[in-house]
């Protein structure tokens, strides 16, 4: 059985994701086989918030040059954008980042 910490791997801290925190949208890297319902319950359990919507997308690995050797690829991963309900409190982890 998976725990919430097996589903949510790490937060994504970029300029674009930090701009959307005003709209109560937060971005996470999640497990490849996690579904939207699992992600929703994991975020609610870890951070104690109410989730309104979860959007997911698979990020394909990019081709990368390895010098004169054949090209390799960076890893593929899954991203989830979680939107909280308006009456929910913001996630405290992201507060000092903006």
PDB file of N, CA and C in Angstrom:
ATOM      1  N   UNK A   1       0.835  -1.187   0.000  1.00  0.00           N
ATOM      2  CA  UNK A   1       0.000   0.000   0.000  1.00  0.00           C
ATOM      3  C   UNK A   1       0.879   1.250   0.000  1.00  0.00           C
ATOM      4  N   UNK A   2       0.527   2.217  -0.830  1.00  0.00           N
ATOM      5  CA  UNK A   2       1.297   3.450  -0.948  1.00  0.00           C
ATOM      6  C   UNK A   2       0.902   4.442   0.142  1.00  0.00           C
ATOM      7  N   UNK A   3       1.889   5.139   0.654  1.00  0.00           N
ATOM      8  CA  UNK A   3       1.602   6.235   1.572  1.00  0.00           C
ATOM      9  C   UNK A   3       1.496   7.527   0.762  1.00  0.00           C
ATOM     10  N   UNK A   4       1.072   8.593   1.409  1.00  0.00           N
ATOM     11  CA  UNK A   4       0.949   9.884   0.732  1.00  0.00           C
ATOM     12  C   UNK A   4       2.312  10.377   0.266  1.00  0.00           C
ATOM     13  N   UNK A   5       3.358  10.036   1.011  1.00  0.00           N
ATOM     14  CA  UNK A   5       4.704  10.478   0.653  1.00  0.00           C
ATOM     15  C   UNK A   5       5.287   9.676  -0.509  1.00  0.00           C
ATOM     16  N   UNK A   6       4.705   8.524  -0.839  1.00  0.00           N
ATOM     17  CA  UNK A   6       5.103   7.782  -2.034  1.00  0.00           C
ATOM     18  C   UNK A   6       4.472   8.378  -3.283  1.00  0.00           C
ATOM     19  N   UNK A   7       3.328   9.055  -3.129  1.00  0.00           N
ATOM     20  CA  UNK A   7       2.622   9.658  -4.258  1.00  0.00           C
ATOM     21  C   UNK A   7       3.223  11.021  -4.595  1.00  0.00           C
ATOM     22  N   UNK A   8       3.374  11.886  -3.591  1.00  0.00           N
ATOM     23  CA  UNK A   8       3.948  13.222  -3.792  1.00  0.00           C
ATOM     24  C   UNK A   8       5.454  13.118  -3.584  1.00  0.00           C
ATOM     25  N   UNK A   9       6.236  13.308  -4.645  1.00  0.00           N
ATOM     26  CA  UNK A   9       7.679  13.145  -4.547  1.00  0.00           C
ATOM     27  C   UNK A   9       8.386  14.429  -4.125  1.00  0.00           C
ATOM     28  N   UNK A  10       8.046  15.568  -4.761  1.00  0.00           N
ATOM     29  CA  UNK A  10       8.687  16.828  -4.397  1.00  0.00           C
ATOM     30  C   UNK A  10       7.878  17.978  -4.977  1.00  0.00           C
ATOM     31  N   UNK A  11       7.981  19.177  -4.386  1.00  0.00           N
ATOM     32  CA  UNK A  11       7.342  20.354  -4.984  1.00  0.00           C
ATOM     33  C   UNK A  11       8.198  20.891  -6.126  1.00  0.00           C
ATOM     34  N   UNK A  12       7.554  21.521  -7.079  1.00  0.00           N
ATOM     35  CA  UNK A  12       8.249  22.150  -8.196  1.00  0.00           C
ATOM     36  C   UNK A  12       8.341  23.645  -7.890  1.00  0.00           C
ATOM     37  N   UNK A  13       9.569  24.153  -7.740  1.00  0.00           N
ATOM     38  CA  UNK A  13       9.804  25.549  -7.405  1.00  0.00           C
ATOM     39  C   UNK A  13      10.422  26.246  -8.616  1.00  0.00           C
ATOM     40  N   UNK A  14       9.586  26.872  -9.439  1.00  0.00           N
ATOM     41  CA  UNK A  14      10.052  27.645 -10.584  1.00  0.00           C
ATOM     42  C   UNK A  14       9.331  28.989 -10.578  1.00  0.00           C
ATOM     43  N   UNK A  15       9.779  29.912 -11.404  1.00  0.00           N
ATOM     44  CA  UNK A  15       9.122  31.217 -11.476  1.00  0.00           C
ATOM     45  C   UNK A  15       7.671  31.077 -11.909  1.00  0.00           C
ATOM     46  N   UNK A  16       7.434  30.246 -12.890  1.00  0.00           N
ATOM     47  CA  UNK A  16       6.080  30.076 -13.409  1.00  0.00           C
ATOM     48  C   UNK A  16       5.158  29.451 -12.367  1.00  0.00           C
ATOM     49  N   UNK A  17       5.641  28.456 -11.642  1.00  0.00           N
ATOM     50  CA  UNK A  17       4.785  27.824 -10.642  1.00  0.00           C
ATOM     51  C   UNK A  17       4.563  28.724  -9.429  1.00  0.00           C
ATOM     52  N   UNK A  18       5.526  29.584  -9.119  1.00  0.00           N
ATOM     53  CA  UNK A  18       5.371  30.496  -7.981  1.00  0.00           C
ATOM     54  C   UNK A  18       4.386  31.626  -8.284  1.00  0.00           C
ATOM     55  N   UNK A  19       4.265  32.017  -9.553  1.00  0.00           N
ATOM     56  CA  UNK A  19       3.290  33.046  -9.921  1.00  0.00           C
ATOM     57  C   UNK A  19       1.864  32.575  -9.718  1.00  0.00           C
ATOM     58  N   UNK A  20       1.619  31.285  -9.851  1.00  0.00           N
ATOM     59  CA  UNK A  20       0.257  30.768  -9.730  1.00  0.00           C
ATOM     60  C   UNK A  20      -0.136  30.468  -8.283  1.00  0.00           C
ATOM     61  N   UNK A  21       0.765  30.671  -7.322  1.00  0.00           N
ATOM     62  CA  UNK A  21       0.396  30.427  -5.924  1.00  0.00           C
ATOM     63  C   UNK A  21      -0.622  31.448  -5.429  1.00  0.00           C
ATOM     64  N   UNK A  22      -0.694  32.636  -6.045  1.00  0.00           N
ATOM     65  CA  UNK A  22      -1.715  33.619  -5.682  1.00  0.00           C
ATOM     66  C   UNK A  22      -3.115  33.091  -6.000  1.00  0.00           C
ATOM     67  N   UNK A  23      -3.210  32.237  -7.008  1.00  0.00           N
ATOM     68  CA  UNK A  23      -4.493  31.634  -7.399  1.00  0.00           C
ATOM     69  C   UNK A  23      -4.746  30.317  -6.682  1.00  0.00           C
ATOM     70  N   UNK A  24      -3.931  30.022  -5.663  1.00  0.00           N
ATOM     71  CA  UNK A  24      -4.002  28.765  -4.899  1.00  0.00           C
ATOM     72  C   UNK A  24      -3.753  27.549  -5.775  1.00  0.00           C
ATOM     73  N   UNK A  25      -2.817  27.676  -6.725  1.00  0.00           N
ATOM     74  CA  UNK A  25      -2.381  26.554  -7.556  1.00  0.00           C
ATOM     75  C   UNK A  25      -0.955  26.196  -7.158  1.00  0.00           C
ATOM     76  N   UNK A  26      -0.725  24.916  -6.909  1.00  0.00           N
ATOM     77  CA  UNK A  26       0.592  24.436  -6.487  1.00  0.00           C
ATOM     78  C   UNK A  26       1.002  23.274  -7.375  1.00  0.00           C
ATOM     79  N   UNK A  27       2.291  23.193  -7.684  1.00  0.00           N
ATOM     80  CA  UNK A  27       2.809  22.200  -8.620  1.00  0.00           C
ATOM     81  C   UNK A  27       3.711  21.211  -7.887  1.00  0.00           C
ATOM     82  N   UNK A  28       3.524  19.916  -8.178  1.00  0.00           N
ATOM     83  CA  UNK A  28       4.297  18.851  -7.547  1.00  0.00           C
ATOM     84  C   UNK A  28       4.749  17.846  -8.583  1.00  0.00           C
ATOM     85  N   UNK A  29       5.889  17.205  -8.306  1.00  0.00           N
ATOM     86  CA  UNK A  29       6.270  16.015  -9.058  1.00  0.00           C
ATOM     87  C   UNK A  29       5.647  14.834  -8.331  1.00  0.00           C
ATOM     88  N   UNK A  30       4.970  13.976  -9.077  1.00  0.00           N
ATOM     89  CA  UNK A  30       4.262  12.855  -8.459  1.00  0.00           C
ATOM     90  C   UNK A  30       4.738  11.541  -9.072  1.00  0.00           C
ATOM     91  N   UNK A  31       4.327  10.462  -8.453  1.00  0.00           N
ATOM     92  CA  UNK A  31       4.669   9.133  -8.929  1.00  0.00           C
ATOM     93  C   UNK A  31       4.052   8.894 -10.306  1.00  0.00           C
ATOM     94  N   UNK A  32       4.754   8.163 -11.161  1.00  0.00           N
ATOM     95  CA  UNK A  32       4.299   7.916 -12.533  1.00  0.00           C
ATOM     96  C   UNK A  32       2.932   7.223 -12.588  1.00  0.00           C
ATOM     97  N   UNK A  33       2.667   6.332 -11.637  1.00  0.00           N
ATOM     98  CA  UNK A  33       1.421   5.562 -11.687  1.00  0.00           C
ATOM     99  C   UNK A  33       0.333   6.119 -10.769  1.00  0.00           C
ATOM    100  N   UNK A  34       0.503   7.326 -10.270  1.00  0.00           N
ATOM    101  CA  UNK A  34      -0.495   7.936  -9.385  1.00  0.00           C
ATOM    102  C   UNK A  34      -1.632   8.530 -10.211  1.00  0.00           C
ATOM    103  N   UNK A  35      -2.859   8.305  -9.757  1.00  0.00           N
ATOM    104  CA  UNK A  35      -4.030   8.889 -10.399  1.00  0.00           C
ATOM    105  C   UNK A  35      -4.434  10.178  -9.707  1.00  0.00           C
ATOM    106  N   UNK A  36      -5.402  10.876 -10.309  1.00  0.00           N
ATOM    107  CA  UNK A  36      -5.818  12.162  -9.762  1.00  0.00           C
ATOM    108  C   UNK A  36      -6.430  12.018  -8.369  1.00  0.00           C
ATOM    109  N   UNK A  37      -7.192  10.973  -8.134  1.00  0.00           N
ATOM    110  CA  UNK A  37      -7.814  10.770  -6.819  1.00  0.00           C
ATOM    111  C   UNK A  37      -6.750  10.511  -5.755  1.00  0.00           C
ATOM    112  N   UNK A  38      -5.724   9.728  -6.101  1.00  0.00           N
ATOM    113  CA  UNK A  38      -4.627   9.473  -5.159  1.00  0.00           C
ATOM    114  C   UNK A  38      -3.861  10.753  -4.839  1.00  0.00           C
ATOM    115  N   UNK A  39      -3.617  11.563  -5.858  1.00  0.00           N
ATOM    116  CA  UNK A  39      -2.892  12.816  -5.659  1.00  0.00           C
ATOM    117  C   UNK A  39      -3.696  13.756  -4.771  1.00  0.00           C
ATOM    118  N   UNK A  40      -4.993  13.844  -5.024  1.00  0.00           N
ATOM    119  CA  UNK A  40      -5.861  14.709  -4.227  1.00  0.00           C
ATOM    120  C   UNK A  40      -5.843  14.304  -2.758  1.00  0.00           C
ATOM    121  N   UNK A  41      -6.009  13.023  -2.480  1.00  0.00           N
ATOM    122  CA  UNK A  41      -6.028  12.578  -1.085  1.00  0.00           C
ATOM    123  C   UNK A  41      -4.659  12.727  -0.427  1.00  0.00           C
ATOM    124  N   UNK A  42      -3.574  12.560  -1.187  1.00  0.00           N
ATOM    125  CA  UNK A  42      -2.232  12.705  -0.630  1.00  0.00           C
ATOM    126  C   UNK A  42      -1.950  14.158  -0.238  1.00  0.00           C
ATOM    127  N   UNK A  43      -2.322  15.104  -1.089  1.00  0.00           N
ATOM    128  CA  UNK A  43      -2.101  16.520  -0.780  1.00  0.00           C
ATOM    129  C   UNK A  43      -2.944  16.933   0.419  1.00  0.00           C
ATOM    130  N   UNK A  44      -4.183  16.470   0.469  1.00  0.00           N
ATOM    131  CA  UNK A  44      -5.053  16.802   1.604  1.00  0.00           C
ATOM    132  C   UNK A  44      -4.510  16.225   2.904  1.00  0.00           C
ATOM    133  N   UNK A  45      -3.944  15.020   2.841  1.00  0.00           N
ATOM    134  CA  UNK A  45      -3.402  14.379   4.043  1.00  0.00           C
ATOM    135  C   UNK A  45      -2.110  15.059   4.513  1.00  0.00           C
ATOM    136  N   UNK A  46      -1.204  15.363   3.586  1.00  0.00           N
ATOM    137  CA  UNK A  46       0.097  15.919   3.965  1.00  0.00           C
ATOM    138  C   UNK A  46      -0.030  17.356   4.458  1.00  0.00           C
ATOM    139  N   UNK A  47      -0.766  18.190   3.723  1.00  0.00           N
ATOM    140  CA  UNK A  47      -0.785  19.622   4.011  1.00  0.00           C
ATOM    141  C   UNK A  47      -2.027  20.084   4.770  1.00  0.00           C
ATOM    142  N   UNK A  48      -3.037  19.234   4.916  1.00  0.00           N
ATOM    143  CA  UNK A  48      -4.241  19.610   5.649  1.00  0.00           C
ATOM    144  C   UNK A  48      -5.055  20.689   4.954  1.00  0.00           C
ATOM    145  N   UNK A  49      -5.225  20.590   3.647  1.00  0.00           N
ATOM    146  CA  UNK A  49      -5.974  21.568   2.864  1.00  0.00           C
ATOM    147  C   UNK A  49      -7.093  20.855   2.108  1.00  0.00           C
ATOM    148  N   UNK A  50      -7.985  21.632   1.459  1.00  0.00           N
ATOM    149  CA  UNK A  50      -9.043  21.067   0.628  1.00  0.00           C
ATOM    150  C   UNK A  50      -8.689  21.304  -0.836  1.00  0.00           C
ATOM    151  N   UNK A  51      -8.690  20.243  -1.630  1.00  0.00           N
ATOM    152  CA  UNK A  51      -8.325  20.322  -3.044  1.00  0.00           C
ATOM    153  C   UNK A  51      -9.587  20.385  -3.888  1.00  0.00           C
ATOM    154  N   UNK A  52      -9.631  21.363  -4.814  1.00  0.00           N
ATOM    155  CA  UNK A  52     -10.772  21.496  -5.708  1.00  0.00           C
ATOM    156  C   UNK A  52     -10.539  20.727  -7.007  1.00  0.00           C
ATOM    157  N   UNK A  53      -9.320  20.822  -7.578  1.00  0.00           N
ATOM    158  CA  UNK A  53      -9.061  20.239  -8.891  1.00  0.00           C
ATOM    159  C   UNK A  53      -7.611  19.783  -8.982  1.00  0.00           C
ATOM    160  N   UNK A  54      -7.386  18.698  -9.715  1.00  0.00           N
ATOM    161  CA  UNK A  54      -6.040  18.193  -9.968  1.00  0.00           C
ATOM    162  C   UNK A  54      -5.873  18.028 -11.473  1.00  0.00           C
ATOM    163  N   UNK A  55      -4.821  18.630 -12.015  1.00  0.00           N
ATOM    164  CA  UNK A  55      -4.467  18.458 -13.425  1.00  0.00           C
ATOM    165  C   UNK A  55      -3.112  17.761 -13.478  1.00  0.00           C
ATOM    166  N   UNK A  56      -2.996  16.758 -14.337  1.00  0.00           N
ATOM    167  CA  UNK A  56      -1.734  16.030 -14.440  1.00  0.00           C
ATOM    168  C   UNK A  56      -1.231  16.068 -15.874  1.00  0.00           C
ATOM    169  N   UNK A  57       0.088  15.946 -16.025  1.00  0.00           N
ATOM    170  CA  UNK A  57       0.672  15.803 -17.345  1.00  0.00           C
ATOM    171  C   UNK A  57       1.977  15.043 -17.229  1.00  0.00           C
ATOM    172  N   UNK A  58       2.264  14.270 -18.257  1.00  0.00           N
ATOM    173  CA  UNK A  58       3.507  13.525 -18.318  1.00  0.00           C
ATOM    174  C   UNK A  58       4.540  14.361 -19.056  1.00  0.00           C
ATOM    175  N   UNK A  59       5.686  14.577 -18.423  1.00  0.00           N
ATOM    176  CA  UNK A  59       6.767  15.364 -19.018  1.00  0.00           C
ATOM    177  C   UNK A  59       7.754  14.386 -19.630  1.00  0.00           C
ATOM    178  N   UNK A  60       7.906  14.468 -20.938  1.00  0.00           N
ATOM    179  CA  UNK A  60       8.789  13.557 -21.654  1.00  0.00           C
ATOM    180  C   UNK A  60      10.234  13.998 -21.480  1.00  0.00           C
ATOM    181  N   UNK A  61      11.135  13.040 -21.319  1.00  0.00           N
ATOM    182  CA  UNK A  61      12.556  13.349 -21.196  1.00  0.00           C
ATOM    183  C   UNK A  61      13.108  13.934 -22.477  1.00  0.00           C
ATOM    184  N   UNK A  62      14.036  14.865 -22.350  1.00  0.00           N
ATOM    185  CA  UNK A  62      14.623  15.523 -23.514  1.00  0.00           C
ATOM    186  C   UNK A  62      15.908  14.824 -23.933  1.00  0.00           C
ATOM    187  N   UNK A  63      16.221  14.916 -25.225  1.00  0.00           N
ATOM    188  CA  UNK A  63      17.453  14.344 -25.741  1.00  0.00           C
ATOM    189  C   UNK A  63      18.616  15.233 -25.308  1.00  0.00           C
ATOM    190  N   UNK A  64      19.679  14.617 -24.872  1.00  0.00           N
ATOM    191  CA  UNK A  64      20.813  15.371 -24.352  1.00  0.00           C
ATOM    192  C   UNK A  64      22.097  14.825 -24.952  1.00  0.00           C
ATOM    193  N   UNK A  65      22.983  15.722 -25.334  1.00  0.00           N
ATOM    194  CA  UNK A  65      24.258  15.331 -25.920  1.00  0.00           C
ATOM    195  C   UNK A  65      25.204  14.839 -24.828  1.00  0.00           C
ATOM    196  N   UNK A  66      25.922  13.772 -25.111  1.00  0.00           N
ATOM    197  CA  UNK A  66      26.874  13.211 -24.160  1.00  0.00           C
ATOM    198  C   UNK A  66      28.290  13.294 -24.715  1.00  0.00           C
ATOM    199  N   UNK A  67      28.656  14.436 -25.271  1.00  0.00           N
ATOM    200  CA  UNK A  67      29.975  14.577 -25.881  1.00  0.00           C
ATOM    201  C   UNK A  67      30.002  13.910 -27.242  1.00  0.00           C
ATOM    202  N   UNK A  68      31.033  13.142 -27.522  1.00  0.00           N
ATOM    203  CA  UNK A  68      31.087  12.496 -28.829  1.00  0.00           C
ATOM    204  C   UNK A  68      30.352  11.170 -28.836  1.00  0.00           C
ATOM    205  N   UNK A  69      29.866  10.735 -27.689  1.00  0.00           N
ATOM    206  CA  UNK A  69      29.147   9.474 -27.587  1.00  0.00           C
ATOM    207  C   UNK A  69      27.709   9.640 -28.071  1.00  0.00           C
ATOM    208  N   UNK A  70      26.986   8.543 -28.227  1.00  0.00           N
ATOM    209  CA  UNK A  70      25.590   8.671 -28.662  1.00  0.00           C
ATOM    210  C   UNK A  70      24.772   9.500 -27.675  1.00  0.00           C
ATOM    211  N   UNK A  71      23.733  10.110 -28.189  1.00  0.00           N
ATOM    212  CA  UNK A  71      22.898  10.968 -27.354  1.00  0.00           C
ATOM    213  C   UNK A  71      22.113  10.135 -26.353  1.00  0.00           C
ATOM    214  N   UNK A  72      21.887  10.724 -25.190  1.00  0.00           N
ATOM    215  CA  UNK A  72      21.082  10.084 -24.161  1.00  0.00           C
ATOM    216  C   UNK A  72      19.830  10.908 -23.916  1.00  0.00           C
ATOM    217  N   UNK A  73      19.036  10.486 -22.961  1.00  0.00           N
ATOM    218  CA  UNK A  73      17.811  11.188 -22.621  1.00  0.00           C
ATOM    219  C   UNK A  73      17.781  11.504 -21.139  1.00  0.00           C
ATOM    220  N   UNK A  74      17.168  12.656 -20.797  1.00  0.00           N
ATOM    221  CA  UNK A  74      16.885  12.923 -19.399  1.00  0.00           C
ATOM    222  C   UNK A  74      15.661  12.090 -19.025  1.00  0.00           C
ATOM    223  N   UNK A  75      15.380  11.976 -17.756  1.00  0.00           N
ATOM    224  CA  UNK A  75      14.299  11.091 -17.341  1.00  0.00           C
ATOM    225  C   UNK A  75      12.927  11.702 -17.606  1.00  0.00           C
ATOM    226  N   UNK A  76      11.945  10.861 -17.824  1.00  0.00           N
ATOM    227  CA  UNK A  76      10.562  11.292 -17.953  1.00  0.00           C
ATOM    228  C   UNK A  76       9.929  11.273 -16.571  1.00  0.00           C
ATOM    229  N   UNK A  77       8.973  12.183 -16.319  1.00  0.00           N
ATOM    230  CA  UNK A  77       8.348  12.265 -15.022  1.00  0.00           C
ATOM    231  C   UNK A  77       6.931  12.805 -15.155  1.00  0.00           C
ATOM    232  N   UNK A  78       6.187  12.777 -14.064  1.00  0.00           N
ATOM    233  CA  UNK A  78       4.794  13.199 -14.068  1.00  0.00           C
ATOM    234  C   UNK A  78       4.629  14.413 -13.168  1.00  0.00           C
ATOM    235  N   UNK A  79       3.905  15.413 -13.672  1.00  0.00           N
ATOM    236  CA  UNK A  79       3.676  16.660 -12.944  1.00  0.00           C
ATOM    237  C   UNK A  79       2.195  16.784 -12.625  1.00  0.00           C
ATOM    238  N   UNK A  80       1.883  17.300 -11.437  1.00  0.00           N
ATOM    239  CA  UNK A  80       0.499  17.555 -11.047  1.00  0.00           C
ATOM    240  C   UNK A  80       0.369  19.001 -10.591  1.00  0.00           C
ATOM    241  N   UNK A  81      -0.655  19.682 -11.106  1.00  0.00           N
ATOM    242  CA  UNK A  81      -0.996  21.027 -10.666  1.00  0.00           C
ATOM    243  C   UNK A  81      -2.272  20.905  -9.844  1.00  0.00           C
ATOM    244  N   UNK A  82      -2.180  21.294  -8.585  1.00  0.00           N
ATOM    245  CA  UNK A  82      -3.281  21.126  -7.640  1.00  0.00           C
ATOM    246  C   UNK A  82      -3.882  22.493  -7.349  1.00  0.00           C
ATOM    247  N   UNK A  83      -5.195  22.615  -7.509  1.00  0.00           N
ATOM    248  CA  UNK A  83      -5.882  23.869  -7.196  1.00  0.00           C
ATOM    249  C   UNK A  83      -6.705  23.677  -5.935  1.00  0.00           C
ATOM    250  N   UNK A  84      -6.533  24.584  -4.984  1.00  0.00           N
ATOM    251  CA  UNK A  84      -7.224  24.495  -3.707  1.00  0.00           C
ATOM    252  C   UNK A  84      -8.547  25.249  -3.763  1.00  0.00           C
ATOM    253  N   UNK A  85      -9.464  24.912  -2.859  1.00  0.00           N
ATOM    254  CA  UNK A  85     -10.737  25.617  -2.774  1.00  0.00           C
ATOM    255  C   UNK A  85     -10.489  27.020  -2.228  1.00  0.00           C
ATOM    256  N   UNK A  86     -11.366  27.981  -2.550  1.00  0.00           N
ATOM    257  CA  UNK A  86     -11.156  29.360  -2.077  1.00  0.00           C
ATOM    258  C   UNK A  86     -11.148  29.497  -0.552  1.00  0.00           C
ATOM    259  N   UNK A  87     -11.882  28.640   0.157  1.00  0.00           N
ATOM    260  CA  UNK A  87     -11.929  28.740   1.613  1.00  0.00           C
ATOM    261  C   UNK A  87     -10.792  27.979   2.293  1.00  0.00           C
ATOM    262  N   UNK A  88      -9.938  27.321   1.514  1.00  0.00           N
ATOM    263  CA  UNK A  88      -8.820  26.567   2.074  1.00  0.00           C
ATOM    264  C   UNK A  88      -7.659  27.495   2.409  1.00  0.00           C
ATOM    265  N   UNK A  89      -6.894  27.098   3.402  1.00  0.00           N
ATOM    266  CA  UNK A  89      -5.706  27.888   3.748  1.00  0.00           C
ATOM    267  C   UNK A  89      -4.598  27.597   2.733  1.00  0.00           C
ATOM    268  N   UNK A  90      -3.684  28.557   2.485  1.00  0.00           N
ATOM    269  CA  UNK A  90      -2.571  28.283   1.564  1.00  0.00           C
ATOM    270  C   UNK A  90      -1.579  27.297   2.188  1.00  0.00           C
ATOM    271  N   UNK A  91      -0.802  26.643   1.344  1.00  0.00           N
ATOM    272  CA  UNK A  91       0.207  25.694   1.805  1.00  0.00           C
ATOM    273  C   UNK A  91       1.389  26.508   2.340  1.00  0.00           C
ATOM    274  N   UNK A  92       1.755  26.290   3.589  1.00  0.00           N
ATOM    275  CA  UNK A  92       2.773  27.101   4.258  1.00  0.00           C
ATOM    276  C   UNK A  92       4.167  26.916   3.660  1.00  0.00           C
ATOM    277  N   UNK A  93       4.435  25.750   3.090  1.00  0.00           N
ATOM    278  CA  UNK A  93       5.753  25.480   2.509  1.00  0.00           C
ATOM    279  C   UNK A  93       6.117  26.491   1.437  1.00  0.00           C
ATOM    280  N   UNK A  94       5.133  26.918   0.636  1.00  0.00           N
ATOM    281  CA  UNK A  94       5.366  27.808  -0.491  1.00  0.00           C
ATOM    282  C   UNK A  94       5.344  29.281  -0.100  1.00  0.00           C
ATOM    283  N   UNK A  95       4.968  29.612   1.127  1.00  0.00           N
ATOM    284  CA  UNK A  95       4.779  31.004   1.529  1.00  0.00           C
ATOM    285  C   UNK A  95       6.048  31.840   1.423  1.00  0.00           C
ATOM    286  N   UNK A  96       7.194  31.362   1.874  1.00  0.00           N
ATOM    287  CA  UNK A  96       8.418  32.140   1.847  1.00  0.00           C
ATOM    288  C   UNK A  96       9.111  32.175   0.498  1.00  0.00           C
ATOM    289  N   UNK A  97       8.621  31.456  -0.470  1.00  0.00           N
ATOM    290  CA  UNK A  97       9.277  31.334  -1.768  1.00  0.00           C
ATOM    291  C   UNK A  97       8.968  32.504  -2.697  1.00  0.00           C
ATOM    292  N   UNK A  98       7.836  33.154  -2.510  1.00  0.00           N
ATOM    293  CA  UNK A  98       7.387  34.184  -3.455  1.00  0.00           C
ATOM    294  C   UNK A  98       8.109  35.481  -3.217  1.00  0.00           C
TER     295      UNK A  98
END
